[in-house]
C-alpha atoms as a PDB file:
ATOM      1  CA  UNK A   1    -199.395  71.755 -64.080  1.00  0.00           C
ATOM      2  CA  UNK A   2    -203.222  71.422 -64.617  1.00  0.00           C
ATOM      3  CA  UNK A   3    -205.583  71.598 -61.752  1.00  0.00           C
ATOM      4  CA  UNK A   4    -209.285  71.400 -61.544  1.00  0.00           C
ATOM      5  CA  UNK A   5    -211.276  72.987 -58.508  1.00  0.00           C
ATOM      6  CA  UNK A   6    -214.402  70.805 -58.186  1.00  0.00           C
ATOM      7  CA  UNK A   7    -217.625  70.972 -56.178  1.00  0.00           C
ATOM      8  CA  UNK A   8    -220.785  68.995 -56.199  1.00  0.00           C
ATOM      9  CA  UNK A   9    -224.295  69.445 -54.761  1.00  0.00           C
ATOM     10  CA  UNK A  10    -226.401  66.344 -53.827  1.00  0.00           C
ATOM     11  CA  UNK A  11    -229.800  65.206 -52.844  1.00  0.00           C
ATOM     12  CA  UNK A  12    -228.556  64.390 -49.373  1.00  0.00           C
ATOM     13  CA  UNK A  13    -225.575  63.375 -47.386  1.00  0.00           C
ATOM     14  CA  UNK A  14    -225.365  59.559 -47.581  1.00  0.00           C
ATOM     15  CA  UNK A  15    -224.552  57.354 -50.541  1.00  0.00           C
ATOM     16  CA  UNK A  16    -225.440  54.522 -48.443  1.00  0.00           C
ATOM     17  CA  UNK A  17    -229.144  55.714 -48.744  1.00  0.00           C
ATOM     18  CA  UNK A  18    -228.653  56.179 -52.524  1.00  0.00           C
ATOM     19  CA  UNK A  19    -228.388  59.912 -52.488  1.00  0.00           C
ATOM     20  CA  UNK A  20    -227.220  61.243 -55.853  1.00  0.00           C
ATOM     21  CA  UNK A  21    -225.334  64.195 -57.389  1.00  0.00           C
ATOM     22  CA  UNK A  22    -227.465  66.918 -58.828  1.00  0.00           C
ATOM     23  CA  UNK A  23    -224.806  69.556 -59.731  1.00  0.00           C
ATOM     24  CA  UNK A  24    -221.155  69.513 -60.638  1.00  0.00           C
ATOM     25  CA  UNK A  25    -219.066  72.717 -61.084  1.00  0.00           C
ATOM     26  CA  UNK A  26    -215.395  72.813 -62.064  1.00  0.00           C
ATOM     27  CA  UNK A  27    -212.909  75.575 -62.862  1.00  0.00           C
ATOM     28  CA  UNK A  28    -209.570  74.990 -64.444  1.00  0.00           C
ATOM     29  CA  UNK A  29    -206.132  76.341 -63.463  1.00  0.00           C
ATOM     30  CA  UNK A  30    -202.885  75.828 -65.295  1.00  0.00           C
ATOM     31  CA  UNK A  31    -199.712  76.775 -63.532  1.00  0.00           C
ATOM     32  CA  UNK A  32    -201.825  78.199 -60.692  1.00  0.00           C
ATOM     33  CA  UNK A  33    -203.521  80.621 -62.958  1.00  0.00           C
ATOM     34  CA  UNK A  34    -207.273  80.492 -63.759  1.00  0.00           C
ATOM     35  CA  UNK A  35    -207.796  79.833 -67.527  1.00  0.00           C
ATOM     36  CA  UNK A  36    -211.451  80.790 -67.782  1.00  0.00           C
ATOM     37  CA  UNK A  37    -212.458  77.217 -68.765  1.00  0.00           C
ATOM     38  CA  UNK A  38    -215.065  75.549 -66.577  1.00  0.00           C
ATOM     39  CA  UNK A  39    -217.406  72.654 -66.618  1.00  0.00           C
ATOM     40  CA  UNK A  40    -220.918  73.083 -65.085  1.00  0.00           C
ATOM     41  CA  UNK A  41    -223.876  70.738 -65.200  1.00  0.00           C
ATOM     42  CA  UNK A  42    -227.154  70.079 -63.446  1.00  0.00           C
ATOM     43  CA  UNK A  43    -228.177  66.351 -63.262  1.00  0.00           C
ATOM     44  CA  UNK A  44    -231.534  64.565 -62.906  1.00  0.00           C
ATOM     45  CA  UNK A  45    -230.912  62.348 -59.895  1.00  0.00           C
ATOM     46  CA  UNK A  46    -233.892  60.078 -60.465  1.00  0.00           C
ATOM     47  CA  UNK A  47    -234.953  60.588 -56.902  1.00  0.00           C
ATOM     48  CA  UNK A  48    -236.362  63.416 -54.556  1.00  0.00           C
ATOM     49  CA  UNK A  49    -234.063  66.036 -53.065  1.00  0.00           C
ATOM     50  CA  UNK A  50    -234.100  65.786 -49.234  1.00  0.00           C
ATOM     51  CA  UNK A  51    -235.787  68.985 -47.643  1.00  0.00           C
ATOM     52  CA  UNK A  52    -232.545  69.648 -45.620  1.00  0.00           C
ATOM     53  CA  UNK A  53    -230.338  69.562 -48.711  1.00  0.00           C
ATOM     54  CA  UNK A  54    -232.741  71.794 -50.581  1.00  0.00           C
ATOM     55  CA  UNK A  55    -232.560  74.271 -47.862  1.00  0.00           C
ATOM     56  CA  UNK A  56    -228.707  74.375 -48.350  1.00  0.00           C
ATOM     57  CA  UNK A  57    -228.524  74.749 -52.136  1.00  0.00           C
ATOM     58  CA  UNK A  58    -232.024  75.754 -53.228  1.00  0.00           C
ATOM     59  CA  UNK A  59    -232.340  73.211 -56.137  1.00  0.00           C
ATOM     60  CA  UNK A  60    -235.895  71.740 -56.449  1.00  0.00           C
ATOM     61  CA  UNK A  61    -237.149  68.442 -57.816  1.00  0.00           C
ATOM     62  CA  UNK A  62    -239.065  70.510 -60.476  1.00  0.00           C
ATOM     63  CA  UNK A  63    -235.882  72.253 -61.619  1.00  0.00           C
ATOM     64  CA  UNK A  64    -234.113  68.901 -62.115  1.00  0.00           C
ATOM     65  CA  UNK A  65    -236.884  67.094 -64.041  1.00  0.00           C
ATOM     66  CA  UNK A  66    -235.544  67.959 -67.523  1.00  0.00           C
ATOM     67  CA  UNK A  67    -231.972  67.835 -66.742  1.00  0.00           C
ATOM     68  CA  UNK A  68    -229.805  64.859 -68.164  1.00  0.00           C
ATOM     69  CA  UNK A  69    -228.799  61.754 -66.315  1.00  0.00           C
ATOM     70  CA  UNK A  70    -225.308  61.323 -65.058  1.00  0.00           C
ATOM     71  CA  UNK A  71    -224.789  58.454 -67.458  1.00  0.00           C
ATOM     72  CA  UNK A  72    -225.347  60.996 -70.299  1.00  0.00           C
ATOM     73  CA  UNK A  73    -222.997  63.731 -68.917  1.00  0.00           C
ATOM     74  CA  UNK A  74    -220.252  61.391 -67.594  1.00  0.00           C
ATOM     75  CA  UNK A  75    -218.098  61.237 -70.809  1.00  0.00           C
ATOM     76  CA  UNK A  76    -217.686  64.933 -70.961  1.00  0.00           C
ATOM     77  CA  UNK A  77    -217.156  65.442 -67.315  1.00  0.00           C
ATOM     78  CA  UNK A  78    -214.467  62.724 -67.114  1.00  0.00           C
ATOM     79  CA  UNK A  79    -212.764  64.101 -70.145  1.00  0.00           C
ATOM     80  CA  UNK A  80    -212.591  67.478 -68.529  1.00  0.00           C
ATOM     81  CA  UNK A  81    -210.972  66.278 -65.350  1.00  0.00           C
ATOM     82  CA  UNK A  82    -208.806  63.646 -66.777  1.00  0.00           C
ATOM     83  CA  UNK A  83    -205.260  63.726 -65.607  1.00  0.00           C
ATOM     84  CA  UNK A  84    -205.694  66.830 -63.544  1.00  0.00           C
ATOM     85  CA  UNK A  85    -205.130  67.346 -59.876  1.00  0.00           C
ATOM     86  CA  UNK A  86    -208.526  67.636 -58.304  1.00  0.00           C
ATOM     87  CA  UNK A  87    -208.811  70.350 -55.684  1.00  0.00           C
ATOM     88  CA  UNK A  88    -211.756  69.682 -53.478  1.00  0.00           C
ATOM     89  CA  UNK A  89    -212.983  70.940 -50.022  1.00  0.00           C
ATOM     90  CA  UNK A  90    -213.878  67.862 -47.906  1.00  0.00           C
ATOM     91  CA  UNK A  91    -212.681  65.684 -50.830  1.00  0.00           C
ATOM     92  CA  UNK A  92    -213.873  62.241 -49.307  1.00  0.00           C
ATOM     93  CA  UNK A  93    -217.587  63.563 -49.622  1.00  0.00           C
ATOM     94  CA  UNK A  94    -217.417  64.575 -53.253  1.00  0.00           C
ATOM     95  CA  UNK A  95    -215.192  61.713 -54.387  1.00  0.00           C
ATOM     96  CA  UNK A  96    -217.532  59.193 -52.588  1.00  0.00           C
ATOM     97  CA  UNK A  97    -220.525  60.575 -54.536  1.00  0.00           C
ATOM     98  CA  UNK A  98    -218.653  60.557 -57.853  1.00  0.00           C
ATOM     99  CA  UNK A  99    -217.678  57.012 -57.279  1.00  0.00           C
ATOM    100  CA  UNK A 100    -221.247  56.141 -56.211  1.00  0.00           C
ATOM    101  CA  UNK A 101    -222.512  57.459 -59.523  1.00  0.00           C
ATOM    102  CA  UNK A 102    -219.826  55.649 -61.556  1.00  0.00           C
ATOM    103  CA  UNK A 103    -220.720  52.406 -59.827  1.00  0.00           C
ATOM    104  CA  UNK A 104    -224.022  52.453 -61.582  1.00  0.00           C
ATOM    105  CA  UNK A 105    -222.500  52.833 -65.105  1.00  0.00           C
ATOM    106  CA  UNK A 106    -222.110  49.929 -67.428  1.00  0.00           C
ATOM    107  CA  UNK A 107    -219.415  49.007 -68.121  1.00  0.00           C
ATOM    108  CA  UNK A 108    -218.188  50.344 -64.875  1.00  0.00           C
ATOM    109  CA  UNK A 109    -215.283  52.806 -65.377  1.00  0.00           C
ATOM    110  CA  UNK A 110    -212.129  53.086 -63.095  1.00  0.00           C
ATOM    111  CA  UNK A 111    -212.495  55.150 -59.897  1.00  0.00           C
ATOM    112  CA  UNK A 112    -211.737  58.913 -60.488  1.00  0.00           C
ATOM    113  CA  UNK A 113    -208.693  58.623 -58.100  1.00  0.00           C
ATOM    114  CA  UNK A 114    -207.058  56.235 -60.600  1.00  0.00           C
ATOM    115  CA  UNK A 115    -206.717  59.106 -63.074  1.00  0.00           C
ATOM    116  CA  UNK A 116    -206.488  62.086 -60.828  1.00  0.00           C
ATOM    117  CA  UNK A 117    -204.500  63.200 -57.794  1.00  0.00           C
ATOM    118  CA  UNK A 118    -206.841  64.456 -55.072  1.00  0.00           C
ATOM    119  CA  UNK A 119    -205.990  67.458 -52.967  1.00  0.00           C
ATOM    120  CA  UNK A 120    -208.249  68.037 -50.015  1.00  0.00           C
ATOM    121  CA  UNK A 121    -208.308  71.713 -49.061  1.00  0.00           C
ATOM    122  CA  UNK A 122    -210.126  70.910 -45.757  1.00  0.00           C
ATOM    123  CA  UNK A 123    -207.223  68.650 -44.706  1.00  0.00           C
ATOM    124  CA  UNK A 124    -204.870  71.354 -45.761  1.00  0.00           C
ATOM    125  CA  UNK A 125    -206.728  74.062 -43.802  1.00  0.00           C
ATOM    126  CA  UNK A 126    -206.733  71.832 -40.584  1.00  0.00           C
ATOM    127  CA  UNK A 127    -203.056  71.373 -40.791  1.00  0.00           C
ATOM    128  CA  UNK A 128    -202.500  75.230 -41.352  1.00  0.00           C
ATOM    129  CA  UNK A 129    -205.155  76.440 -38.895  1.00  0.00           C
ATOM    130  CA  UNK A 130    -205.582  73.770 -36.216  1.00  0.00           C
ATOM    131  CA  UNK A 131    -208.390  74.302 -33.769  1.00  0.00           C
ATOM    132  CA  UNK A 132    -210.030  76.972 -35.926  1.00  0.00           C
ATOM    133  CA  UNK A 133    -213.256  76.787 -38.159  1.00  0.00           C
ATOM    134  CA  UNK A 134    -212.104  75.690 -41.657  1.00  0.00           C
ATOM    135  CA  UNK A 135    -215.301  75.540 -43.628  1.00  0.00           C
ATOM    136  CA  UNK A 136    -215.316  77.458 -46.816  1.00  0.00           C
ATOM    137  CA  UNK A 137    -217.047  80.551 -45.383  1.00  0.00           C
ATOM    138  CA  UNK A 138    -214.467  80.708 -42.519  1.00  0.00           C
ATOM    139  CA  UNK A 139    -211.680  80.375 -44.955  1.00  0.00           C
ATOM    140  CA  UNK A 140    -213.099  83.193 -47.195  1.00  0.00           C
ATOM    141  CA  UNK A 141    -213.185  85.438 -44.081  1.00  0.00           C
ATOM    142  CA  UNK A 142    -209.725  84.493 -43.018  1.00  0.00           C
ATOM    143  CA  UNK A 143    -208.206  85.066 -46.409  1.00  0.00           C
ATOM    144  CA  UNK A 144    -210.326  87.964 -47.428  1.00  0.00           C
ATOM    145  CA  UNK A 145    -212.049  86.298 -50.345  1.00  0.00           C
ATOM    146  CA  UNK A 146    -215.319  87.949 -51.378  1.00  0.00           C
ATOM    147  CA  UNK A 147    -218.203  85.396 -50.897  1.00  0.00           C
ATOM    148  CA  UNK A 148    -220.968  87.995 -50.702  1.00  0.00           C
ATOM    149  CA  UNK A 149    -222.887  86.177 -53.534  1.00  0.00           C
ATOM    150  CA  UNK A 150    -222.970  82.881 -51.549  1.00  0.00           C
ATOM    151  CA  UNK A 151    -226.459  83.063 -50.115  1.00  0.00           C
ATOM    152  CA  UNK A 152    -226.952  79.469 -51.155  1.00  0.00           C
ATOM    153  CA  UNK A 153    -224.493  76.785 -51.935  1.00  0.00           C
ATOM    154  CA  UNK A 154    -223.918  76.337 -55.732  1.00  0.00           C
ATOM    155  CA  UNK A 155    -221.272  74.061 -57.248  1.00  0.00           C
ATOM    156  CA  UNK A 156    -219.808  76.330 -59.816  1.00  0.00           C
ATOM    157  CA  UNK A 157    -219.718  79.470 -57.539  1.00  0.00           C
ATOM    158  CA  UNK A 158    -218.243  77.377 -54.682  1.00  0.00           C
ATOM    159  CA  UNK A 159    -215.547  75.987 -57.035  1.00  0.00           C
ATOM    160  CA  UNK A 160    -214.648  79.643 -58.093  1.00  0.00           C
ATOM    161  CA  UNK A 161    -214.499  80.777 -54.470  1.00  0.00           C
ATOM    162  CA  UNK A 162    -212.449  77.673 -53.381  1.00  0.00           C
ATOM    163  CA  UNK A 163    -209.895  78.395 -56.232  1.00  0.00           C
ATOM    164  CA  UNK A 164    -209.307  81.869 -54.746  1.00  0.00           C
ATOM    165  CA  UNK A 165    -208.965  80.324 -51.248  1.00  0.00           C
ATOM    166  CA  UNK A 166    -206.659  77.679 -52.445  1.00  0.00           C
ATOM    167  CA  UNK A 167    -204.273  79.965 -54.158  1.00  0.00           C
ATOM    168  CA  UNK A 168    -204.069  82.225 -51.181  1.00  0.00           C
ATOM    169  CA  UNK A 169    -203.761  79.369 -48.681  1.00  0.00           C
ATOM    170  CA  UNK A 170    -200.859  77.800 -50.643  1.00  0.00           C
ATOM    171  CA  UNK A 171    -199.204  80.960 -51.906  1.00  0.00           C
ATOM    172  CA  UNK A 172    -197.568  82.352 -48.731  1.00  0.00           C
ATOM    173  CA  UNK A 173    -198.296  85.743 -47.324  1.00  0.00           C
ATOM    174  CA  UNK A 174    -201.370  87.547 -48.567  1.00  0.00           C
ATOM    175  CA  UNK A 175    -201.543  90.591 -46.473  1.00  0.00           C
ATOM    176  CA  UNK A 176    -199.167  93.302 -45.208  1.00  0.00           C
ATOM    177  CA  UNK A 177    -201.629  94.751 -42.751  1.00  0.00           C
ATOM    178  CA  UNK A 178    -199.747  94.695 -39.352  1.00  0.00           C
ATOM    179  CA  UNK A 179    -201.661  97.472 -37.710  1.00  0.00           C
ATOM    180  CA  UNK A 180    -203.747  95.224 -35.431  1.00  0.00           C
ATOM    181  CA  UNK A 181    -201.924  92.315 -33.762  1.00  0.00           C
ATOM    182  CA  UNK A 182    -205.196  90.762 -32.725  1.00  0.00           C
ATOM    183  CA  UNK A 183    -206.269  90.415 -36.356  1.00  0.00           C
ATOM    184  CA  UNK A 184    -202.806  88.796 -37.092  1.00  0.00           C
ATOM    185  CA  UNK A 185    -203.138  86.398 -34.290  1.00  0.00           C
ATOM    186  CA  UNK A 186    -206.514  85.225 -35.293  1.00  0.00           C
ATOM    187  CA  UNK A 187    -205.436  84.854 -38.951  1.00  0.00           C
ATOM    188  CA  UNK A 188    -208.221  87.284 -40.017  1.00  0.00           C
ATOM    189  CA  UNK A 189    -207.483  89.872 -42.723  1.00  0.00           C
ATOM    190  CA  UNK A 190    -208.845  93.440 -42.454  1.00  0.00           C
ATOM    191  CA  UNK A 191    -212.015  93.876 -44.569  1.00  0.00           C
ATOM    192  CA  UNK A 192    -210.251  96.592 -46.537  1.00  0.00           C
ATOM    193  CA  UNK A 193    -207.853  93.930 -47.801  1.00  0.00           C
ATOM    194  CA  UNK A 194    -210.564  91.880 -49.530  1.00  0.00           C
ATOM    195  CA  UNK A 195    -209.154  89.820 -52.335  1.00  0.00           C
ATOM    196  CA  UNK A 196    -211.062  90.050 -55.647  1.00  0.00           C
ATOM    197  CA  UNK A 197    -210.250  88.137 -58.776  1.00  0.00           C
ATOM    198  CA  UNK A 198    -208.451  90.204 -61.481  1.00  0.00           C
ATOM    199  CA  UNK A 199    -209.156  89.660 -65.177  1.00  0.00           C
ATOM    200  CA  UNK A 200    -207.170  86.750 -66.654  1.00  0.00           C
ATOM    201  CA  UNK A 201    -206.080  89.043 -69.674  1.00  0.00           C
ATOM    202  CA  UNK A 202    -204.776  92.430 -69.124  1.00  0.00           C
ATOM    203  CA  UNK A 203    -202.787  94.794 -71.487  1.00  0.00           C
ATOM    204  CA  UNK A 204    -198.921  94.894 -70.942  1.00  0.00           C
ATOM    205  CA  UNK A 205    -197.790  97.594 -68.457  1.00  0.00           C
ATOM    206  CA  UNK A 206    -196.535 100.803 -70.195  1.00  0.00           C
ATOM    207  CA  UNK A 207    -192.821 101.431 -69.879  1.00  0.00           C
ATOM    208  CA  UNK A 208    -191.853 105.172 -69.463  1.00  0.00           C
ATOM    209  CA  UNK A 209    -188.120 106.063 -70.022  1.00  0.00           C
ATOM    210  CA  UNK A 210    -186.447 108.658 -68.004  1.00  0.00           C
ATOM    211  CA  UNK A 211    -186.001 111.954 -69.806  1.00  0.00           C
ATOM    212  CA  UNK A 212    -182.477 113.499 -70.342  1.00  0.00           C
ATOM    213  CA  UNK A 213    -183.176 116.027 -67.606  1.00  0.00           C
ATOM    214  CA  UNK A 214    -184.239 113.307 -65.129  1.00  0.00           C
ATOM    215  CA  UNK A 215    -181.137 111.273 -65.896  1.00  0.00           C
ATOM    216  CA  UNK A 216    -178.938 114.404 -65.244  1.00  0.00           C
ATOM    217  CA  UNK A 217    -180.664 115.087 -61.976  1.00  0.00           C
ATOM    218  CA  UNK A 218    -180.302 111.450 -60.975  1.00  0.00           C
ATOM    219  CA  UNK A 219    -176.558 111.390 -61.460  1.00  0.00           C
ATOM    220  CA  UNK A 220    -176.208 114.749 -59.718  1.00  0.00           C
ATOM    221  CA  UNK A 221    -177.942 113.125 -56.703  1.00  0.00           C
ATOM    222  CA  UNK A 222    -175.615 110.157 -56.872  1.00  0.00           C
ATOM    223  CA  UNK A 223    -172.510 112.372 -56.943  1.00  0.00           C
ATOM    224  CA  UNK A 224    -173.865 114.353 -53.920  1.00  0.00           C
ATOM    225  CA  UNK A 225    -174.319 110.991 -52.072  1.00  0.00           C
ATOM    226  CA  UNK A 226    -170.609 109.997 -52.891  1.00  0.00           C
ATOM    227  CA  UNK A 227    -169.356 113.383 -51.838  1.00  0.00           C
ATOM    228  CA  UNK A 228    -171.122 113.138 -48.452  1.00  0.00           C
ATOM    229  CA  UNK A 229    -170.536 109.458 -47.627  1.00  0.00           C
ATOM    230  CA  UNK A 230    -167.314 108.798 -49.568  1.00  0.00           C
ATOM    231  CA  UNK A 231    -169.058 105.836 -51.533  1.00  0.00           C
ATOM    232  CA  UNK A 232    -171.959 105.278 -53.771  1.00  0.00           C
ATOM    233  CA  UNK A 233    -172.548 101.874 -54.954  1.00  0.00           C
ATOM    234  CA  UNK A 234    -175.007 102.933 -57.682  1.00  0.00           C
ATOM    235  CA  UNK A 235    -172.255 104.754 -59.398  1.00  0.00           C
ATOM    236  CA  UNK A 236    -170.069 101.715 -59.316  1.00  0.00           C
ATOM    237  CA  UNK A 237    -172.829  99.639 -61.239  1.00  0.00           C
ATOM    238  CA  UNK A 238    -173.370 102.405 -63.661  1.00  0.00           C
ATOM    239  CA  UNK A 239    -176.951 102.940 -62.483  1.00  0.00           C
END
């Protein structure tokens, strides 16, 4: 199962005002494991970035001047996401902007939904946590995902953070901390339980066999249990 966690940054909020994509960030997961592959690209929108949008992501017009157009990067982008499940927070926003960009291409390609299944994590969060804040920062706090580097929005960083949130949100219980019922009721995790991504490649665990003396002591213990209780199931299984 191949999944792509995707985020975009834009010049503004409305495609009806011809706002454009200026950054795309994607991270790949296969069978719910991060592969280390990602796609990241800044894009020249051929228009000014709104002041309000720049305050959110910090990307300036000057920075984007020498970046490629969407037309130039679209083949590589669509090849990267093709056939995958796209995991997006507030998916209608990002999908709307991607389709707005593709509507300008000639020949006009098919919509991204025609080749990918869309999973909206905002809709999932609202089902799971009705009546609560479900923006990405709130979900990071709820699931103990470290977003301390998120001073400004950035497409690749937000995609990486969303990948962690999605895995925790769809993977069942993530904390055994039951010391404070108020934390459990609010869905918040203790700060000591912060989830940090582990390396994708780790050496195999070392297997240490019991020594002859340890095995002898083990069987003596089992015999003592049987003598006291009249039965020891571990002796019956040969353990």
